[in-house]
Amino acid sequence: MALQFYSLFKRRDKRQHCREKETKKAGSTRITRIPMDEDDGFEDAGTGTPLSAIAEAFEELSSCLKSNGYDDLRLKPFCDACSLVSVLFGCLGIAFKFAELEYVSKVRDLAEASEVFGSLNSILDYDVRSDTVRTPGSLSRNLRRVRQGLDLIRALFQNFLSTYDDSLKEAASMAYAKVCAPYHTWAVRTAVSAGMCALPTRDQLLMKLNETDDSAEREMRRYIDASLPIIEYIDKLYISRSITLDW
């Protein structure tokens, strides 16, 4: 039975995403929210397919990032969009169970932090001052892992669209080897490799996502295009602070 997607989140109007501003004073961060009209704010995300909801959310994020001159990205809408991606890991089965658990926990931690920190920039600034960027459990480390999750799905989609093989093993293995394997322990890599045999077939995945070949290609390409500026922006947050990406 095809997976029916019911959004647990109400996404904010993208005008609000772009209209929140951050001001810094005396080493602290303060969030200033511009008053909204009564009909602005939260809207029901509807009941579209997982892929269409994810694609739309990242297109909105990418649009907001562009409108800000690629200078900053709000943490709350970023976490809302990333939360939608979790369903994709669940559809891939045991091979990506570790990635799913890690991804979901990191997104949850960042979402909780969004009550204090307004932007991705602000959490990097905080950890740089505290010298905790690479410390396990730090927000900067969590952001790095979430970024890898987004890139893993992006690479998987690219491989998925480059072949019509019924088996997803090669597409998933190549995506994992490129994005995540260099940062995982031998035990995790071994477990992932063993789980690749339990991946759903191409048709099974499409059925779980309630998509056809044509609709899946359309939505996957939307995500591929929209997520790239977000991933590159996150990388630049680290690089601009002289933090390498080899971890």
Protein backbone atom coordinates (compact mmCIF):
# COMPACT_ATOMS: atom_id res chain seq x y z
CA MET A 1 0.00 0.00 0.00
CA ALA A 2 1.39 3.35 -0.99
CA LEU A 3 2.61 5.54 1.80
CA GLN A 4 0.19 8.38 2.41
CA PHE A 5 2.00 11.48 3.56
CA TYR A 6 0.41 13.57 6.26
CA SER A 7 2.54 16.55 7.26
CA LEU A 8 3.09 16.97 10.96
CA PHE A 9 4.37 20.46 10.44
CA LYS A 10 2.74 23.74 9.49
CA ARG A 11 5.24 25.61 7.44
CA ARG A 12 5.47 29.32 7.73
CA ASP A 13 4.70 31.63 4.88
CA LYS A 14 8.01 32.11 3.08
CA ARG A 15 7.62 35.85 3.49
CA GLN A 16 8.05 35.35 7.22
CA HIS A 17 11.15 33.22 6.64
CA CYS A 18 12.78 36.11 4.85
CA ARG A 19 11.44 38.89 7.05
CA GLU A 20 12.94 37.76 10.35
CA LYS A 21 16.11 39.67 11.05
CA GLU A 22 19.01 39.14 13.40
CA THR A 23 20.96 41.88 15.17
CA LYS A 24 24.16 41.42 17.13
CA LYS A 25 25.29 43.51 20.05
CA ALA A 26 28.11 43.09 22.58
CA GLY A 27 28.81 39.52 21.46
CA SER A 28 25.21 38.37 21.88
CA THR A 29 22.52 37.58 19.36
CA ARG A 30 19.04 39.05 19.43
CA ILE A 31 16.24 38.10 17.04
CA THR A 32 13.92 40.85 15.85
CA ARG A 33 10.68 39.72 14.27
CA ILE A 34 8.88 42.25 12.12
CA PRO A 35 5.13 42.35 12.91
CA MET A 36 3.07 40.30 10.50
CA ASP A 37 -0.37 40.82 9.09
CA GLU A 38 -3.11 38.71 10.64
CA ASP A 39 -3.36 36.49 7.58
CA ASP A 40 0.39 35.84 7.51
CA GLY A 41 2.27 33.27 9.61
CA PHE A 42 1.62 29.58 9.63
CA GLU A 43 -0.23 27.77 6.89
CA ASP A 44 -1.23 24.16 6.53
CA ALA A 45 1.31 22.29 4.45
CA GLY A 46 -1.42 20.11 2.98
CA THR A 47 -1.28 16.42 2.20
CA GLY A 48 0.91 16.17 -0.89
CA THR A 49 3.46 13.42 -1.44
CA PRO A 50 6.65 13.39 0.63
CA LEU A 51 8.77 14.34 -2.36
CA SER A 52 6.63 17.31 -3.39
CA ALA A 53 6.55 18.65 0.18
CA ILE A 54 10.33 18.31 0.52
CA ALA A 55 11.00 19.90 -2.86
CA GLU A 56 8.73 22.84 -2.10
CA ALA A 57 10.27 23.40 1.35
CA PHE A 58 13.82 23.50 -0.03
CA GLU A 59 12.82 25.73 -2.92
CA GLU A 60 11.47 28.20 -0.36
CA LEU A 61 14.69 27.97 1.69
CA SER A 62 16.80 28.48 -1.41
CA SER A 63 14.68 31.47 -2.41
CA CYS A 64 15.06 33.05 1.04
CA LEU A 65 18.80 32.46 1.03
CA LYS A 66 19.07 34.11 -2.37
CA SER A 67 16.93 37.08 -1.28
CA ASN A 68 19.30 37.59 1.67
CA GLY A 69 22.27 37.74 -0.66
CA TYR A 70 23.45 34.30 0.54
CA ASP A 71 24.35 36.02 3.80
CA ASP A 72 22.23 34.17 6.34
CA LEU A 73 19.61 31.45 6.76
CA ARG A 74 17.03 31.22 9.53
CA LEU A 75 17.42 28.15 11.75
CA LYS A 76 13.72 27.45 12.40
CA PRO A 77 12.56 27.13 8.75
CA PHE A 78 15.75 25.21 7.99
CA CYS A 79 14.87 22.66 10.66
CA ASP A 80 11.26 22.48 9.47
CA ALA A 81 12.42 21.61 5.96
CA CYS A 82 15.01 19.11 7.17
CA SER A 83 12.39 17.35 9.31
CA LEU A 84 10.44 16.50 6.17
CA VAL A 85 13.43 14.61 4.76
CA SER A 86 13.29 12.05 7.59
CA VAL A 87 10.56 10.05 5.83
CA LEU A 88 12.95 9.29 2.96
CA PHE A 89 15.43 7.53 5.23
CA GLY A 90 12.58 5.49 6.65
CA CYS A 91 11.59 4.33 3.18
CA LEU A 92 15.10 2.99 2.49
CA GLY A 93 15.01 0.32 5.18
CA ILE A 94 17.68 -1.10 7.47
CA ALA A 95 20.64 -0.07 5.29
CA PHE A 96 20.09 3.54 6.22
CA LYS A 97 18.77 2.98 9.74
CA PHE A 98 21.90 4.41 11.33
CA ALA A 99 21.77 7.44 9.05
CA GLU A 100 18.09 7.88 9.88
CA LEU A 101 18.61 7.73 13.65
CA GLU A 102 21.56 10.11 13.54
CA TYR A 103 19.83 12.51 11.16
CA VAL A 104 16.56 12.65 13.12
CA SER A 105 18.32 13.23 16.44
CA LYS A 106 20.51 16.02 15.05
CA VAL A 107 17.57 17.79 13.41
CA ARG A 108 15.64 17.55 16.68
CA ASP A 109 18.53 19.09 18.62
CA LEU A 110 18.82 21.94 16.13
CA ALA A 111 15.06 22.52 16.22
CA GLU A 112 15.17 22.83 20.01
CA ALA A 113 18.10 25.25 19.70
CA SER A 114 16.09 27.43 17.29
CA GLU A 115 14.25 28.75 20.35
CA VAL A 116 17.52 30.44 21.32
CA PHE A 117 19.52 30.81 18.12
CA GLY A 118 17.97 32.59 15.18
CA SER A 119 20.24 31.55 12.35
CA LEU A 120 22.84 29.06 11.18
CA ASN A 121 25.44 31.79 11.46
CA SER A 122 24.67 32.33 15.13
CA ILE A 123 25.24 28.71 16.15
CA LEU A 124 28.62 28.66 14.38
CA ASP A 125 29.58 31.92 16.08
CA TYR A 126 28.60 30.52 19.47
CA ASP A 127 30.60 27.30 19.07
CA VAL A 128 33.62 29.13 17.68
CA ARG A 129 33.66 31.38 20.75
CA SER A 130 33.24 28.35 23.00
CA ASP A 131 35.80 26.28 21.07
CA THR A 132 33.24 23.47 20.75
CA VAL A 133 32.72 23.28 16.98
CA ARG A 134 33.82 19.63 16.73
CA THR A 135 32.73 18.58 20.21
CA PRO A 136 30.21 15.69 20.12
CA GLY A 137 26.74 17.09 20.73
CA SER A 138 27.62 20.64 19.76
CA LEU A 139 25.22 22.44 17.44
CA SER A 140 27.94 23.01 14.85
CA ARG A 141 28.70 19.29 14.78
CA ASN A 142 24.98 18.50 14.54
CA LEU A 143 24.63 20.91 11.63
CA ARG A 144 27.53 19.22 9.88
CA ARG A 145 25.82 15.82 10.21
CA VAL A 146 22.46 17.15 9.00
CA ARG A 147 24.20 18.69 6.01
CA GLN A 148 25.65 15.25 5.20
CA GLY A 149 22.17 13.75 5.42
CA LEU A 150 20.82 16.28 2.93
CA ASP A 151 23.73 15.62 0.60
CA LEU A 152 23.27 11.85 0.91
CA ILE A 153 19.67 12.12 -0.28
CA ARG A 154 20.75 14.47 -3.06
CA ALA A 155 23.43 12.03 -4.26
CA LEU A 156 20.99 9.12 -4.04
CA PHE A 157 18.44 11.00 -6.15
CA GLN A 158 21.09 11.81 -8.75
CA ASN A 159 22.11 8.14 -8.97
CA PHE A 160 18.47 7.04 -9.01
CA LEU A 161 17.76 9.24 -12.03
CA SER A 162 20.89 8.17 -13.91
CA THR A 163 19.76 4.55 -14.24
CA TYR A 164 16.60 2.51 -14.59
CA ASP A 165 17.93 -0.53 -12.71
CA ASP A 166 15.29 -2.16 -10.57
CA SER A 167 17.81 -2.63 -7.76
CA LEU A 168 18.78 0.43 -5.74
CA LYS A 169 21.92 -1.21 -4.33
CA GLU A 170 24.41 0.44 -6.68
CA ALA A 171 22.76 3.87 -6.52
CA ALA A 172 22.60 3.80 -2.72
CA SER A 173 26.07 2.31 -2.26
CA MET A 174 27.67 4.96 -4.46
CA ALA A 175 25.85 7.77 -2.65
CA TYR A 176 26.86 6.45 0.77
CA ALA A 177 30.48 5.87 -0.26
CA LYS A 178 30.77 9.42 -1.56
CA VAL A 179 29.00 11.36 1.18
CA CYS A 180 29.06 9.48 4.48
CA ALA A 181 31.49 6.55 4.44
CA PRO A 182 34.64 8.69 4.86
CA TYR A 183 33.32 9.91 8.23
CA HIS A 184 31.89 6.64 9.61
CA THR A 185 33.66 3.95 11.60
CA TRP A 186 34.45 0.54 10.16
CA ALA A 187 31.60 -1.00 12.16
CA VAL A 188 29.04 1.44 10.76
CA ARG A 189 30.32 1.05 7.19
CA THR A 190 30.12 -2.74 7.53
CA ALA A 191 26.57 -2.60 8.87
CA VAL A 192 25.46 -0.29 6.07
CA SER A 193 27.06 -2.52 3.45
CA ALA A 194 25.28 -5.59 4.82
CA GLY A 195 21.97 -3.73 4.87
CA MET A 196 22.17 -2.76 1.22
CA CYS A 197 20.70 -6.14 0.29
CA ALA A 198 17.50 -5.18 2.12
CA LEU A 199 16.87 -2.02 0.14
CA PRO A 200 13.48 -1.76 -1.55
CA THR A 201 13.36 -2.17 -5.32
CA ARG A 202 12.84 0.86 -7.51
CA ASP A 203 9.14 0.12 -7.90
CA GLN A 204 8.71 -0.53 -4.18
CA LEU A 205 10.31 2.81 -3.33
CA LEU A 206 8.07 4.64 -5.79
CA MET A 207 5.05 2.92 -4.29
CA LYS A 208 6.09 3.88 -0.75
CA LEU A 209 6.50 7.49 -1.86
CA ASN A 210 3.22 7.45 -3.81
CA GLU A 211 5.01 8.51 -6.99
CA THR A 212 5.29 7.40 -10.60
CA ASP A 213 8.57 7.37 -12.52
CA ASP A 214 7.69 10.70 -14.11
CA SER A 215 6.49 12.44 -10.96
CA ALA A 216 9.44 11.13 -8.94
CA GLU A 217 11.90 12.44 -11.50
CA ARG A 218 10.25 15.86 -11.43
CA GLU A 219 10.27 16.15 -7.64
CA MET A 220 13.75 14.67 -7.22
CA ARG A 221 15.18 17.17 -9.69
CA ARG A 222 13.47 19.98 -7.79
CA TYR A 223 15.15 18.83 -4.57
CA ILE A 224 18.52 18.31 -6.27
CA ASP A 225 18.50 21.86 -7.63
CA ALA A 226 17.09 23.54 -4.52
CA SER A 227 19.23 21.74 -1.94
CA LEU A 228 22.59 22.43 -3.60
CA PRO A 229 22.73 26.15 -2.66
CA ILE A 230 21.80 25.23 0.92
CA ILE A 231 24.52 22.56 1.14
CA GLU A 232 27.12 24.88 -0.38
CA TYR A 233 26.10 27.69 1.97
CA ILE A 234 26.55 25.45 5.03
CA ASP A 235 30.01 24.43 3.81
CA LYS A 236 30.96 28.09 3.41
CA LEU A 237 29.93 28.81 7.01
CA TYR A 238 32.72 26.50 8.15
CA ILE A 239 35.28 27.40 5.50
CA SER A 240 34.86 31.15 6.13
CA ARG A 241 35.82 30.50 9.76
CA SER A 242 38.89 28.45 8.73
CA ILE A 243 37.22 25.19 9.77
CA THR A 244 38.06 22.25 7.54
CA LEU A 245 35.39 19.84 6.32
CA ASP A 246 37.28 16.58 6.85
CA TRP A 247 35.24 15.38 9.84
